[in-house]
Every structure is written in structure tokens, then in C-alpha cells.
Full PDB file with SEQRES, HELIX, SHEET, SSBOND, CRYST1, ORIGX, SCALE, CONECT and MASTER records, all heavy atoms in Angstrom:
SEQRES   1 A   44  LYS TYR TYR TYR VAL VAL THR ALA VAL ASN ALA ALA GLY          
SEQRES   2 A   44  GLU SER ILE SER SER ASN GLU ALA SER ALA ILE LEU LEU          
SEQRES   3 A   44  GLY GLN PRO ASP THR GLY HIS ALA ILE LEU THR ILE TYR          
SEQRES   4 A   44  LEU THR ASN GLY MET                                          
SHEET    1 AA1 3 TYR A   2  TYR A   4  0                                        
SHEET    2 AA1 3 ALA A  21  GLN A  28 -1                                        
SHEET    3 AA1 3 HIS A  33  TYR A  39 -1                                        
SHEET    1 AA2 2 VAL A   9  ASN A  10  0                                        
SHEET    2 AA2 2 GLY A  13  GLU A  14 -1                                        
CRYST1    1.000    1.000    1.000  90.00  90.00  90.00 P 1           1          
ORIGX1      1.000000  0.000000  0.000000        0.00000                         
ORIGX2      0.000000  1.000000  0.000000        0.00000                         
ORIGX3      0.000000  0.000000  1.000000        0.00000                         
SCALE1      1.000000  0.000000  0.000000        0.00000                         
SCALE2      0.000000  1.000000  0.000000        0.00000                         
SCALE3      0.000000  0.000000  1.000000        0.00000                         
ATOM      1  N   LYS A   1       0.899  -1.207   0.005  1.00  0.00           N  
ATOM      2  CA  LYS A   1       0.007   0.029   0.008  1.00  0.00           C  
ATOM      3  C   LYS A   1       0.882   1.247   0.033  1.00  0.00           C  
ATOM      4  O   LYS A   1       1.761   1.395   0.873  1.00  0.00           O  
ATOM      5  CB  LYS A   1      -0.846  -0.005   1.236  1.00  0.00           C  
ATOM      6  CG  LYS A   1      -2.000   1.017   1.122  1.00  0.00           C  
ATOM      7  CD  LYS A   1      -2.994   0.839   2.287  1.00  0.00           C  
ATOM      8  CE  LYS A   1      -4.282   1.584   2.030  1.00  0.00           C  
ATOM      9  NZ  LYS A   1      -5.294   1.378   3.026  1.00  0.00           N  
ATOM     10  N   TYR A   2       0.685   2.111  -0.980  1.00  0.00           N  
ATOM     11  CA  TYR A   2       1.368   3.362  -1.123  1.00  0.00           C  
ATOM     12  C   TYR A   2       0.376   4.528  -0.733  1.00  0.00           C  
ATOM     13  O   TYR A   2      -0.683   4.491  -1.127  1.00  0.00           O  
ATOM     14  CB  TYR A   2       1.974   3.527  -2.400  1.00  0.00           C  
ATOM     15  CG  TYR A   2       3.049   2.580  -2.824  1.00  0.00           C  
ATOM     16  CD1 TYR A   2       2.717   1.310  -3.315  1.00  0.00           C  
ATOM     17  CD2 TYR A   2       4.359   2.863  -2.553  1.00  0.00           C  
ATOM     18  CE1 TYR A   2       3.763   0.360  -3.607  1.00  0.00           C  
ATOM     19  CE2 TYR A   2       5.324   1.977  -2.809  1.00  0.00           C  
ATOM     20  CZ  TYR A   2       5.018   0.755  -3.395  1.00  0.00           C  
ATOM     21  OH  TYR A   2       6.027  -0.202  -3.601  1.00  0.00           O  
ATOM     22  N   TYR A   3       0.985   5.632  -0.136  1.00  0.00           N  
ATOM     23  CA  TYR A   3       0.252   6.770   0.288  1.00  0.00           C  
ATOM     24  C   TYR A   3       0.740   7.956  -0.539  1.00  0.00           C  
ATOM     25  O   TYR A   3       1.962   8.111  -0.640  1.00  0.00           O  
ATOM     26  CB  TYR A   3       0.366   7.033   1.701  1.00  0.00           C  
ATOM     27  CG  TYR A   3      -0.230   5.955   2.611  1.00  0.00           C  
ATOM     28  CD1 TYR A   3       0.553   4.836   2.944  1.00  0.00           C  
ATOM     29  CD2 TYR A   3      -1.531   5.927   2.941  1.00  0.00           C  
ATOM     30  CE1 TYR A   3       0.046   3.790   3.684  1.00  0.00           C  
ATOM     31  CE2 TYR A   3      -2.098   4.922   3.685  1.00  0.00           C  
ATOM     32  CZ  TYR A   3      -1.248   3.879   4.110  1.00  0.00           C  
ATOM     33  OH  TYR A   3      -1.785   2.851   4.810  1.00  0.00           O  
ATOM     34  N   TYR A   4      -0.163   8.779  -1.099  1.00  0.00           N  
ATOM     35  CA  TYR A   4       0.213   9.902  -1.890  1.00  0.00           C  
ATOM     36  C   TYR A   4      -0.457  11.201  -1.457  1.00  0.00           C  
ATOM     37  O   TYR A   4      -1.576  11.171  -0.990  1.00  0.00           O  
ATOM     38  CB  TYR A   4      -0.124   9.576  -3.425  1.00  0.00           C  
ATOM     39  CG  TYR A   4       0.461   8.441  -3.991  1.00  0.00           C  
ATOM     40  CD1 TYR A   4      -0.075   7.165  -3.948  1.00  0.00           C  
ATOM     41  CD2 TYR A   4       1.690   8.519  -4.638  1.00  0.00           C  
ATOM     42  CE1 TYR A   4       0.470   6.073  -4.430  1.00  0.00           C  
ATOM     43  CE2 TYR A   4       2.359   7.474  -5.200  1.00  0.00           C  
ATOM     44  CZ  TYR A   4       1.675   6.276  -5.132  1.00  0.00           C  
ATOM     45  OH  TYR A   4       2.342   5.146  -5.680  1.00  0.00           O  
ATOM     46  N   VAL A   5       0.314  12.338  -1.604  1.00  0.00           N  
ATOM     47  CA  VAL A   5      -0.203  13.663  -1.551  1.00  0.00           C  
ATOM     48  C   VAL A   5       0.428  14.453  -2.661  1.00  0.00           C  
ATOM     49  O   VAL A   5       1.360  14.083  -3.163  1.00  0.00           O  
ATOM     50  CB  VAL A   5       0.056  14.334  -0.112  1.00  0.00           C  
ATOM     51  CG1 VAL A   5      -0.648  13.578   0.943  1.00  0.00           C  
ATOM     52  CG2 VAL A   5       1.599  14.499   0.150  1.00  0.00           C  
ATOM     53  N   VAL A   6      -0.274  15.614  -2.985  1.00  0.00           N  
ATOM     54  CA  VAL A   6       0.250  16.509  -4.059  1.00  0.00           C  
ATOM     55  C   VAL A   6       0.423  17.808  -3.532  1.00  0.00           C  
ATOM     56  O   VAL A   6      -0.344  18.301  -2.708  1.00  0.00           O  
ATOM     57  CB  VAL A   6      -0.785  16.397  -5.242  1.00  0.00           C  
ATOM     58  CG1 VAL A   6      -0.337  17.416  -6.315  1.00  0.00           C  
ATOM     59  CG2 VAL A   6      -1.027  15.056  -5.837  1.00  0.00           C  
ATOM     60  N   THR A   7       1.455  18.509  -4.052  1.00  0.00           N  
ATOM     61  CA  THR A   7       1.594  19.933  -3.699  1.00  0.00           C  
ATOM     62  C   THR A   7       1.818  20.705  -5.042  1.00  0.00           C  
ATOM     63  O   THR A   7       2.233  20.124  -5.990  1.00  0.00           O  
ATOM     64  CB  THR A   7       2.840  20.241  -2.796  1.00  0.00           C  
ATOM     65  OG1 THR A   7       3.960  19.879  -3.341  1.00  0.00           O  
ATOM     66  CG2 THR A   7       2.612  19.544  -1.457  1.00  0.00           C  
ATOM     67  N   ALA A   8       1.540  21.994  -4.992  1.00  0.00           N  
ATOM     68  CA  ALA A   8       1.842  22.832  -6.135  1.00  0.00           C  
ATOM     69  C   ALA A   8       2.965  23.795  -5.792  1.00  0.00           C  
ATOM     70  O   ALA A   8       3.066  24.203  -4.666  1.00  0.00           O  
ATOM     71  CB  ALA A   8       0.525  23.581  -6.551  1.00  0.00           C  
ATOM     72  N   VAL A   9       3.789  24.135  -6.764  1.00  0.00           N  
ATOM     73  CA  VAL A   9       4.872  25.128  -6.498  1.00  0.00           C  
ATOM     74  C   VAL A   9       4.837  26.106  -7.593  1.00  0.00           C  
ATOM     75  O   VAL A   9       4.632  25.847  -8.802  1.00  0.00           O  
ATOM     76  CB  VAL A   9       6.242  24.262  -6.665  1.00  0.00           C  
ATOM     77  CG1 VAL A   9       7.370  25.260  -6.423  1.00  0.00           C  
ATOM     78  CG2 VAL A   9       6.293  23.189  -5.607  1.00  0.00           C  
ATOM     79  N   ASN A  10       4.997  27.410  -7.125  1.00  0.00           N  
ATOM     80  CA  ASN A  10       5.092  28.506  -8.098  1.00  0.00           C  
ATOM     81  C   ASN A  10       6.070  29.507  -7.478  1.00  0.00           C  
ATOM     82  O   ASN A  10       6.704  29.172  -6.488  1.00  0.00           O  
ATOM     83  CB  ASN A  10       3.750  29.116  -8.319  1.00  0.00           C  
ATOM     84  CG  ASN A  10       3.105  29.761  -7.159  1.00  0.00           C  
ATOM     85  OD1 ASN A  10       3.717  30.059  -6.106  1.00  0.00           O  
ATOM     86  ND2 ASN A  10       1.812  29.978  -7.160  1.00  0.00           N  
ATOM     87  N   ALA A  11       6.180  30.639  -7.983  1.00  0.00           N  
ATOM     88  CA  ALA A  11       7.186  31.643  -7.651  1.00  0.00           C  
ATOM     89  C   ALA A  11       6.972  32.032  -6.098  1.00  0.00           C  
ATOM     90  O   ALA A  11       7.933  32.408  -5.363  1.00  0.00           O  
ATOM     91  CB  ALA A  11       7.024  32.931  -8.478  1.00  0.00           C  
ATOM     92  N   ALA A  12       5.754  31.878  -5.502  1.00  0.00           N  
ATOM     93  CA  ALA A  12       5.506  32.259  -4.188  1.00  0.00           C  
ATOM     94  C   ALA A  12       5.893  31.196  -3.191  1.00  0.00           C  
ATOM     95  O   ALA A  12       5.876  31.341  -1.971  1.00  0.00           O  
ATOM     96  CB  ALA A  12       3.958  32.607  -4.026  1.00  0.00           C  
ATOM     97  N   GLY A  13       6.160  29.922  -3.754  1.00  0.00           N  
ATOM     98  CA  GLY A  13       6.537  28.825  -2.949  1.00  0.00           C  
ATOM     99  C   GLY A  13       5.731  27.608  -3.098  1.00  0.00           C  
ATOM    100  O   GLY A  13       5.071  27.464  -4.130  1.00  0.00           O  
ATOM    101  N   GLU A  14       5.681  26.753  -2.085  1.00  0.00           N  
ATOM    102  CA  GLU A  14       4.937  25.410  -2.258  1.00  0.00           C  
ATOM    103  C   GLU A  14       3.733  25.517  -1.370  1.00  0.00           C  
ATOM    104  O   GLU A  14       3.673  26.089  -0.250  1.00  0.00           O  
ATOM    105  CB  GLU A  14       5.915  24.294  -1.685  1.00  0.00           C  
ATOM    106  CG  GLU A  14       5.289  22.886  -1.898  1.00  0.00           C  
ATOM    107  CD  GLU A  14       6.265  21.829  -1.533  1.00  0.00           C  
ATOM    108  OE1 GLU A  14       7.496  22.146  -1.065  1.00  0.00           O  
ATOM    109  OE2 GLU A  14       5.981  20.635  -1.810  1.00  0.00           O  
ATOM    110  N   SER A  15       2.660  24.882  -1.950  1.00  0.00           N  
ATOM    111  CA  SER A  15       1.381  24.865  -1.291  1.00  0.00           C  
ATOM    112  C   SER A  15       1.402  23.807  -0.173  1.00  0.00           C  
ATOM    113  O   SER A  15       2.271  23.005  -0.026  1.00  0.00           O  
ATOM    114  CB  SER A  15       0.272  24.543  -2.309  1.00  0.00           C  
ATOM    115  OG  SER A  15       0.401  23.157  -2.679  1.00  0.00           O  
ATOM    116  N   ILE A  16       0.286  23.812   0.648  1.00  0.00           N  
ATOM    117  CA  ILE A  16       0.102  22.721   1.629  1.00  0.00           C  
ATOM    118  C   ILE A  16      -0.177  21.493   0.779  1.00  0.00           C  
ATOM    119  O   ILE A  16      -0.634  21.569  -0.303  1.00  0.00           O  
ATOM    120  CB  ILE A  16      -0.948  23.054   2.652  1.00  0.00           C  
ATOM    121  CG1 ILE A  16      -2.287  23.339   1.917  1.00  0.00           C  
ATOM    122  CG2 ILE A  16      -0.584  24.340   3.492  1.00  0.00           C  
ATOM    123  CD1 ILE A  16      -3.493  23.348   2.971  1.00  0.00           C  
ATOM    124  N   SER A  17      -0.097  20.320   1.479  1.00  0.00           N  
ATOM    125  CA  SER A  17      -0.371  19.087   0.800  1.00  0.00           C  
ATOM    126  C   SER A  17      -1.853  18.886   0.644  1.00  0.00           C  
ATOM    127  O   SER A  17      -2.703  19.347   1.421  1.00  0.00           O  
ATOM    128  CB  SER A  17       0.184  17.944   1.711  1.00  0.00           C  
ATOM    129  OG  SER A  17       1.556  18.020   1.763  1.00  0.00           O  
ATOM    130  N   SER A  18      -2.185  18.143  -0.510  1.00  0.00           N  
ATOM    131  CA  SER A  18      -3.503  17.755  -0.723  1.00  0.00           C  
ATOM    132  C   SER A  18      -3.933  16.693   0.327  1.00  0.00           C  
ATOM    133  O   SER A  18      -3.169  16.222   1.170  1.00  0.00           O  
ATOM    134  CB  SER A  18      -3.624  17.090  -2.122  1.00  0.00           C  
ATOM    135  OG  SER A  18      -2.846  15.920  -2.155  1.00  0.00           O  
ATOM    136  N   ASN A  19      -5.174  16.330   0.299  1.00  0.00           N  
ATOM    137  CA  ASN A  19      -5.629  15.197   1.096  1.00  0.00           C  
ATOM    138  C   ASN A  19      -4.825  13.944   0.635  1.00  0.00           C  
ATOM    139  O   ASN A  19      -4.499  13.859  -0.482  1.00  0.00           O  
ATOM    140  CB  ASN A  19      -7.118  14.876   0.880  1.00  0.00           C  
ATOM    141  CG  ASN A  19      -7.999  15.891   1.552  1.00  0.00           C  
ATOM    142  OD1 ASN A  19      -7.528  16.648   2.418  1.00  0.00           O  
ATOM    143  ND2 ASN A  19      -9.200  16.109   1.068  1.00  0.00           N  
ATOM    144  N   GLU A  20      -4.623  12.953   1.488  1.00  0.00           N  
ATOM    145  CA  GLU A  20      -3.919  11.845   1.164  1.00  0.00           C  
ATOM    146  C   GLU A  20      -4.747  10.759   0.494  1.00  0.00           C  
ATOM    147  O   GLU A  20      -5.908  10.657   0.783  1.00  0.00           O  
ATOM    148  CB  GLU A  20      -3.472  11.193   2.533  1.00  0.00           C  
ATOM    149  CG  GLU A  20      -2.701   9.920   2.387  1.00  0.00           C  
ATOM    150  CD  GLU A  20      -2.252   9.309   3.710  1.00  0.00           C  
ATOM    151  OE1 GLU A  20      -3.131   8.641   4.273  1.00  0.00           O  
ATOM    152  OE2 GLU A  20      -1.126   9.588   4.190  1.00  0.00           O  
ATOM    153  N   ALA A  21      -4.179  10.147  -0.486  1.00  0.00           N  
ATOM    154  CA  ALA A  21      -4.838   9.038  -1.223  1.00  0.00           C  
ATOM    155  C   ALA A  21      -3.874   7.849  -1.093  1.00  0.00           C  
ATOM    156  O   ALA A  21      -2.722   8.038  -0.942  1.00  0.00           O  
ATOM    157  CB  ALA A  21      -5.092   9.373  -2.612  1.00  0.00           C  
ATOM    158  N   SER A  22      -4.449   6.568  -1.144  1.00  0.00           N  
ATOM    159  CA  SER A  22      -3.508   5.509  -1.123  1.00  0.00           C  
ATOM    160  C   SER A  22      -3.946   4.534  -2.246  1.00  0.00           C  
ATOM    161  O   SER A  22      -5.049   4.580  -2.782  1.00  0.00           O  
ATOM    162  CB  SER A  22      -3.681   4.763   0.223  1.00  0.00           C  
ATOM    163  OG  SER A  22      -5.018   4.320   0.437  1.00  0.00           O  
ATOM    164  N   ALA A  23      -2.948   3.677  -2.565  1.00  0.00           N  
ATOM    165  CA  ALA A  23      -3.215   2.706  -3.729  1.00  0.00           C  
ATOM    166  C   ALA A  23      -2.387   1.438  -3.454  1.00  0.00           C  
ATOM    167  O   ALA A  23      -1.407   1.453  -2.845  1.00  0.00           O  
ATOM    168  CB  ALA A  23      -2.803   3.342  -5.006  1.00  0.00           C  
ATOM    169  N   ILE A  24      -3.011   0.344  -3.912  1.00  0.00           N  
ATOM    170  CA  ILE A  24      -2.360  -0.949  -3.925  1.00  0.00           C  
ATOM    171  C   ILE A  24      -2.310  -1.465  -5.291  1.00  0.00           C  
ATOM    172  O   ILE A  24      -3.331  -1.619  -5.917  1.00  0.00           O  
ATOM    173  CB  ILE A  24      -3.002  -1.961  -2.916  1.00  0.00           C  
ATOM    174  CG1 ILE A  24      -3.076  -1.417  -1.534  1.00  0.00           C  
ATOM    175  CG2 ILE A  24      -2.352  -3.324  -2.950  1.00  0.00           C  
ATOM    176  CD1 ILE A  24      -3.895  -2.189  -0.537  1.00  0.00           C  
ATOM    177  N   LEU A  25      -1.124  -1.990  -5.844  1.00  0.00           N  
ATOM    178  CA  LEU A  25      -1.108  -2.564  -7.087  1.00  0.00           C  
ATOM    179  C   LEU A  25      -1.171  -4.163  -6.824  1.00  0.00           C  
ATOM    180  O   LEU A  25      -0.353  -4.726  -6.186  1.00  0.00           O  
ATOM    181  CB  LEU A  25       0.182  -2.349  -7.839  1.00  0.00           C  
ATOM    182  CG  LEU A  25       0.462  -3.003  -9.110  1.00  0.00           C  
ATOM    183  CD1 LEU A  25      -0.606  -2.440 -10.212  1.00  0.00           C  
ATOM    184  CD2 LEU A  25       1.894  -2.707  -9.639  1.00  0.00           C  
ATOM    185  N   LEU A  26      -2.294  -4.768  -7.329  1.00  0.00           N  
ATOM    186  CA  LEU A  26      -2.470  -6.229  -7.162  1.00  0.00           C  
ATOM    187  C   LEU A  26      -2.063  -6.916  -8.420  1.00  0.00           C  
ATOM    188  O   LEU A  26      -2.666  -6.765  -9.421  1.00  0.00           O  
ATOM    189  CB  LEU A  26      -3.970  -6.489  -6.801  1.00  0.00           C  
ATOM    190  CG  LEU A  26      -4.505  -5.886  -5.574  1.00  0.00           C  
ATOM    191  CD1 LEU A  26      -5.958  -6.034  -5.378  1.00  0.00           C  
ATOM    192  CD2 LEU A  26      -3.747  -6.324  -4.333  1.00  0.00           C  
ATOM    193  N   GLY A  27      -0.957  -7.630  -8.361  1.00  0.00           N  
ATOM    194  CA  GLY A  27      -0.351  -8.228  -9.525  1.00  0.00           C  
ATOM    195  C   GLY A  27      -1.271  -9.370  -9.974  1.00  0.00           C  
ATOM    196  O   GLY A  27      -1.895 -10.129  -9.240  1.00  0.00           O  
ATOM    197  N   GLN A  28      -1.342  -9.494 -11.347  1.00  0.00           N  
ATOM    198  CA  GLN A  28      -2.018 -10.590 -11.973  1.00  0.00           C  
ATOM    199  C   GLN A  28      -1.044 -11.238 -13.050  1.00  0.00           C  
ATOM    200  O   GLN A  28      -1.186 -10.995 -14.177  1.00  0.00           O  
ATOM    201  CB  GLN A  28      -3.165  -9.981 -12.711  1.00  0.00           C  
ATOM    202  CG  GLN A  28      -4.202  -9.243 -11.890  1.00  0.00           C  
ATOM    203  CD  GLN A  28      -4.945 -10.123 -10.963  1.00  0.00           C  
ATOM    204  OE1 GLN A  28      -5.383 -11.288 -11.375  1.00  0.00           O  
ATOM    205  NE2 GLN A  28      -5.001  -9.836  -9.682  1.00  0.00           N  
ATOM    206  N   PRO A  29      -0.137 -12.063 -12.613  1.00  0.00           N  
ATOM    207  CA  PRO A  29       0.856 -12.615 -13.417  1.00  0.00           C  
ATOM    208  C   PRO A  29       0.376 -13.403 -14.635  1.00  0.00           C  
ATOM    209  O   PRO A  29       0.969 -13.420 -15.656  1.00  0.00           O  
ATOM    210  CB  PRO A  29       1.822 -13.437 -12.505  1.00  0.00           C  
ATOM    211  CG  PRO A  29       0.995 -13.719 -11.344  1.00  0.00           C  
ATOM    212  CD  PRO A  29       0.022 -12.559 -11.170  1.00  0.00           C  
ATOM    213  N   ASP A  30      -0.800 -14.042 -14.400  1.00  0.00           N  
ATOM    214  CA  ASP A  30      -1.298 -14.926 -15.473  1.00  0.00           C  
ATOM    215  C   ASP A  30      -1.866 -14.121 -16.785  1.00  0.00           C  
ATOM    216  O   ASP A  30      -1.929 -14.786 -17.833  1.00  0.00           O  
ATOM    217  CB  ASP A  30      -2.484 -15.802 -14.915  1.00  0.00           C  
ATOM    218  CG  ASP A  30      -3.578 -15.065 -14.266  1.00  0.00           C  
ATOM    219  OD1 ASP A  30      -3.278 -13.922 -13.712  1.00  0.00           O  
ATOM    220  OD2 ASP A  30      -4.686 -15.447 -14.298  1.00  0.00           O  
ATOM    221  N   THR A  31      -2.185 -12.937 -16.527  1.00  0.00           N  
ATOM    222  CA  THR A  31      -2.642 -12.139 -17.678  1.00  0.00           C  
ATOM    223  C   THR A  31      -1.739 -11.049 -18.138  1.00  0.00           C  
ATOM    224  O   THR A  31      -1.923 -10.497 -19.253  1.00  0.00           O  
ATOM    225  CB  THR A  31      -4.040 -11.282 -17.166  1.00  0.00           C  
ATOM    226  OG1 THR A  31      -3.640 -10.340 -16.229  1.00  0.00           O  
ATOM    227  CG2 THR A  31      -5.041 -12.226 -16.677  1.00  0.00           C  
ATOM    228  N   GLY A  32      -0.666 -10.854 -17.396  1.00  0.00           N  
ATOM    229  CA  GLY A  32       0.286  -9.870 -17.795  1.00  0.00           C  
ATOM    230  C   GLY A  32      -0.176  -8.392 -17.381  1.00  0.00           C  
ATOM    231  O   GLY A  32       0.448  -7.443 -17.777  1.00  0.00           O  
ATOM    232  N   HIS A  33      -1.323  -8.337 -16.763  1.00  0.00           N  
ATOM    233  CA  HIS A  33      -1.906  -7.101 -16.278  1.00  0.00           C  
ATOM    234  C   HIS A  33      -1.979  -7.048 -14.791  1.00  0.00           C  
ATOM    235  O   HIS A  33      -1.801  -7.970 -14.111  1.00  0.00           O  
ATOM    236  CB  HIS A  33      -3.272  -6.847 -16.960  1.00  0.00           C  
ATOM    237  CG  HIS A  33      -3.275  -6.680 -18.371  1.00  0.00           C  
ATOM    238  ND1 HIS A  33      -3.165  -7.804 -19.240  1.00  0.00           N  
ATOM    239  CD2 HIS A  33      -3.366  -5.653 -19.126  1.00  0.00           C  
ATOM    240  CE1 HIS A  33      -3.252  -7.376 -20.480  1.00  0.00           C  
ATOM    241  NE2 HIS A  33      -3.267  -6.049 -20.406  1.00  0.00           N  
ATOM    242  N   ALA A  34      -2.294  -5.937 -14.215  1.00  0.00           N  
ATOM    243  CA  ALA A  34      -2.478  -5.778 -12.792  1.00  0.00           C  
ATOM    244  C   ALA A  34      -3.666  -4.895 -12.583  1.00  0.00           C  
ATOM    245  O   ALA A  34      -4.160  -4.175 -13.431  1.00  0.00           O  
ATOM    246  CB  ALA A  34      -1.202  -5.106 -12.219  1.00  0.00           C  
ATOM    247  N   ILE A  35      -4.217  -5.034 -11.286  1.00  0.00           N  
ATOM    248  CA  ILE A  35      -5.313  -4.096 -10.906  1.00  0.00           C  
ATOM    249  C   ILE A  35      -4.796  -3.197  -9.845  1.00  0.00           C  
ATOM    250  O   ILE A  35      -4.282  -3.593  -8.860  1.00  0.00           O  
ATOM    251  CB  ILE A  35      -6.464  -4.993 -10.244  1.00  0.00           C  
ATOM    252  CG1 ILE A  35      -7.084  -6.052 -11.271  1.00  0.00           C  
ATOM    253  CG2 ILE A  35      -7.560  -4.042  -9.738  1.00  0.00           C  
ATOM    254  CD1 ILE A  35      -7.971  -6.988 -10.725  1.00  0.00           C  
ATOM    255  N   LEU A  36      -4.975  -1.915 -10.145  1.00  0.00           N  
ATOM    256  CA  LEU A  36      -4.495  -0.800  -9.246  1.00  0.00           C  
ATOM    257  C   LEU A  36      -5.785  -0.387  -8.461  1.00  0.00           C  
ATOM    258  O   LEU A  36      -6.770   0.019  -9.162  1.00  0.00           O  
ATOM    259  CB  LEU A  36      -3.893   0.355  -9.990  1.00  0.00           C  
ATOM    260  CG  LEU A  36      -3.557   1.582  -9.160  1.00  0.00           C  
ATOM    261  CD1 LEU A  36      -2.506   1.219  -8.176  1.00  0.00           C  
ATOM    262  CD2 LEU A  36      -3.171   2.712 -10.097  1.00  0.00           C  
ATOM    263  N   THR A  37      -5.779  -0.489  -7.224  1.00  0.00           N  
ATOM    264  CA  THR A  37      -6.906  -0.001  -6.389  1.00  0.00           C  
ATOM    265  C   THR A  37      -6.526   1.285  -5.642  1.00  0.00           C  
ATOM    266  O   THR A  37      -5.568   1.271  -4.996  1.00  0.00           O  
ATOM    267  CB  THR A  37      -7.346  -1.117  -5.325  1.00  0.00           C  
ATOM    268  OG1 THR A  37      -7.584  -2.361  -5.995  1.00  0.00           O  
ATOM    269  CG2 THR A  37      -8.562  -0.679  -4.516  1.00  0.00           C  
ATOM    270  N   ILE A  38      -7.336   2.332  -5.940  1.00  0.00           N  
ATOM    271  CA  ILE A  38      -7.072   3.562  -5.265  1.00  0.00           C  
ATOM    272  C   ILE A  38      -8.063   3.821  -4.256  1.00  0.00           C  
ATOM    273  O   ILE A  38      -9.228   3.767  -4.513  1.00  0.00           O  
ATOM    274  CB  ILE A  38      -7.043   4.741  -6.255  1.00  0.00           C  
ATOM    275  CG1 ILE A  38      -6.034   4.481  -7.387  1.00  0.00           C  
ATOM    276  CG2 ILE A  38      -6.798   6.099  -5.640  1.00  0.00           C  
ATOM    277  CD1 ILE A  38      -6.106   5.403  -8.567  1.00  0.00           C  
ATOM    278  N   TYR A  39      -7.641   4.073  -3.018  1.00  0.00           N  
ATOM    279  CA  TYR A  39      -8.559   4.341  -1.892  1.00  0.00           C  
ATOM    280  C   TYR A  39      -8.563   5.907  -1.631  1.00  0.00           C  
ATOM    281  O   TYR A  39      -7.598   6.416  -1.320  1.00  0.00           O  
ATOM    282  CB  TYR A  39      -8.070   3.572  -0.617  1.00  0.00           C  
ATOM    283  CG  TYR A  39      -8.070   2.111  -0.802  1.00  0.00           C  
ATOM    284  CD1 TYR A  39      -6.995   1.493  -1.317  1.00  0.00           C  
ATOM    285  CD2 TYR A  39      -9.288   1.411  -0.471  1.00  0.00           C  
ATOM    286  CE1 TYR A  39      -7.008   0.039  -1.479  1.00  0.00           C  
ATOM    287  CE2 TYR A  39      -9.268   0.036  -0.707  1.00  0.00           C  
ATOM    288  CZ  TYR A  39      -8.122  -0.618  -1.186  1.00  0.00           C  
ATOM    289  OH  TYR A  39      -8.186  -2.005  -1.385  1.00  0.00           O  
ATOM    290  N   LEU A  40      -9.693   6.439  -1.750  1.00  0.00           N  
ATOM    291  CA  LEU A  40      -9.886   7.899  -1.522  1.00  0.00           C  
ATOM    292  C   LEU A  40     -10.231   8.168  -0.139  1.00  0.00           C  
ATOM    293  O   LEU A  40     -10.748   7.319   0.631  1.00  0.00           O  
ATOM    294  CB  LEU A  40     -11.056   8.443  -2.439  1.00  0.00           C  
ATOM    295  CG  LEU A  40     -10.718   8.136  -3.965  1.00  0.00           C  
ATOM    296  CD1 LEU A  40     -11.974   8.615  -4.743  1.00  0.00           C  
ATOM    297  CD2 LEU A  40      -9.553   8.759  -4.434  1.00  0.00           C  
ATOM    298  N   THR A  41      -9.886   9.399   0.367  1.00  0.00           N  
ATOM    299  CA  THR A  41     -10.120   9.689   1.755  1.00  0.00           C  
ATOM    300  C   THR A  41     -11.610   9.734   2.156  1.00  0.00           C  
ATOM    301  O   THR A  41     -11.922   9.607   3.287  1.00  0.00           O  
ATOM    302  CB  THR A  41      -9.475  11.068   2.123  1.00  0.00           C  
ATOM    303  OG1 THR A  41     -10.019  12.058   1.251  1.00  0.00           O  
ATOM    304  CG2 THR A  41      -7.976  11.027   1.920  1.00  0.00           C  
ATOM    305  N   ASN A  42     -12.490   9.847   1.208  1.00  0.00           N  
ATOM    306  CA  ASN A  42     -13.934   9.730   1.510  1.00  0.00           C  
ATOM    307  C   ASN A  42     -14.439   8.352   1.599  1.00  0.00           C  
ATOM    308  O   ASN A  42     -15.709   8.157   1.723  1.00  0.00           O  
ATOM    309  CB  ASN A  42     -14.747  10.603   0.430  1.00  0.00           C  
ATOM    310  CG  ASN A  42     -14.644   9.985  -0.930  1.00  0.00           C  
ATOM    311  OD1 ASN A  42     -14.094   8.881  -1.161  1.00  0.00           O  
ATOM    312  ND2 ASN A  42     -15.200  10.724  -1.860  1.00  0.00           N  
ATOM    313  N   GLY A  43     -13.521   7.447   1.516  1.00  0.00           N  
ATOM    314  CA  GLY A  43     -14.027   6.032   1.666  1.00  0.00           C  
ATOM    315  C   GLY A  43     -14.257   5.279   0.336  1.00  0.00           C  
ATOM    316  O   GLY A  43     -14.456   4.098   0.377  1.00  0.00           O  
ATOM    317  N   MET A  44     -14.346   5.977  -0.722  1.00  0.00           N  
ATOM    318  CA  MET A  44     -14.624   5.465  -1.949  1.00  0.00           C  
ATOM    319  C   MET A  44     -13.280   4.741  -2.487  1.00  0.00           C  
ATOM    320  O   MET A  44     -12.153   5.101  -2.068  1.00  0.00           O  
ATOM    321  CB  MET A  44     -15.026   6.434  -3.065  1.00  0.00           C  
ATOM    322  CG  MET A  44     -16.416   7.011  -2.686  1.00  0.00           C  
ATOM    323  SD  MET A  44     -16.904   8.249  -3.870  1.00  0.00           S  
ATOM    324  CE  MET A  44     -17.045   7.298  -5.377  1.00  0.00           C  
TER     325      MET A  44                                                      
MASTER        0    0    0    0    5    0    0    6  324    1    0    4          
END                                                                             
């Protein structure tokens, strides 16, 4: 499980962090594909 936040940067500096989101890459070796599940802070 990985956790991510985003910030913006401009001439005035760096913004505060966005809300945190998390994701898990579930490997599917038999198909050569994977399922990425993203968990949003609102529970979705």
C-alpha cells in the first residue's frame, strides 16, 4: 500500500499538501496485467 499527496509550486513557494490518497497494485501474473486499487479519503 502506497500513500500519496500532491503539492503545487510557483514563484510564491510550495502549497500545503492535498488530502492523502492510497493505492495498492495487485499483481495478475497470469494475464500480464495488474489491478490498481485507489482508496480515496472519502472511503470510495
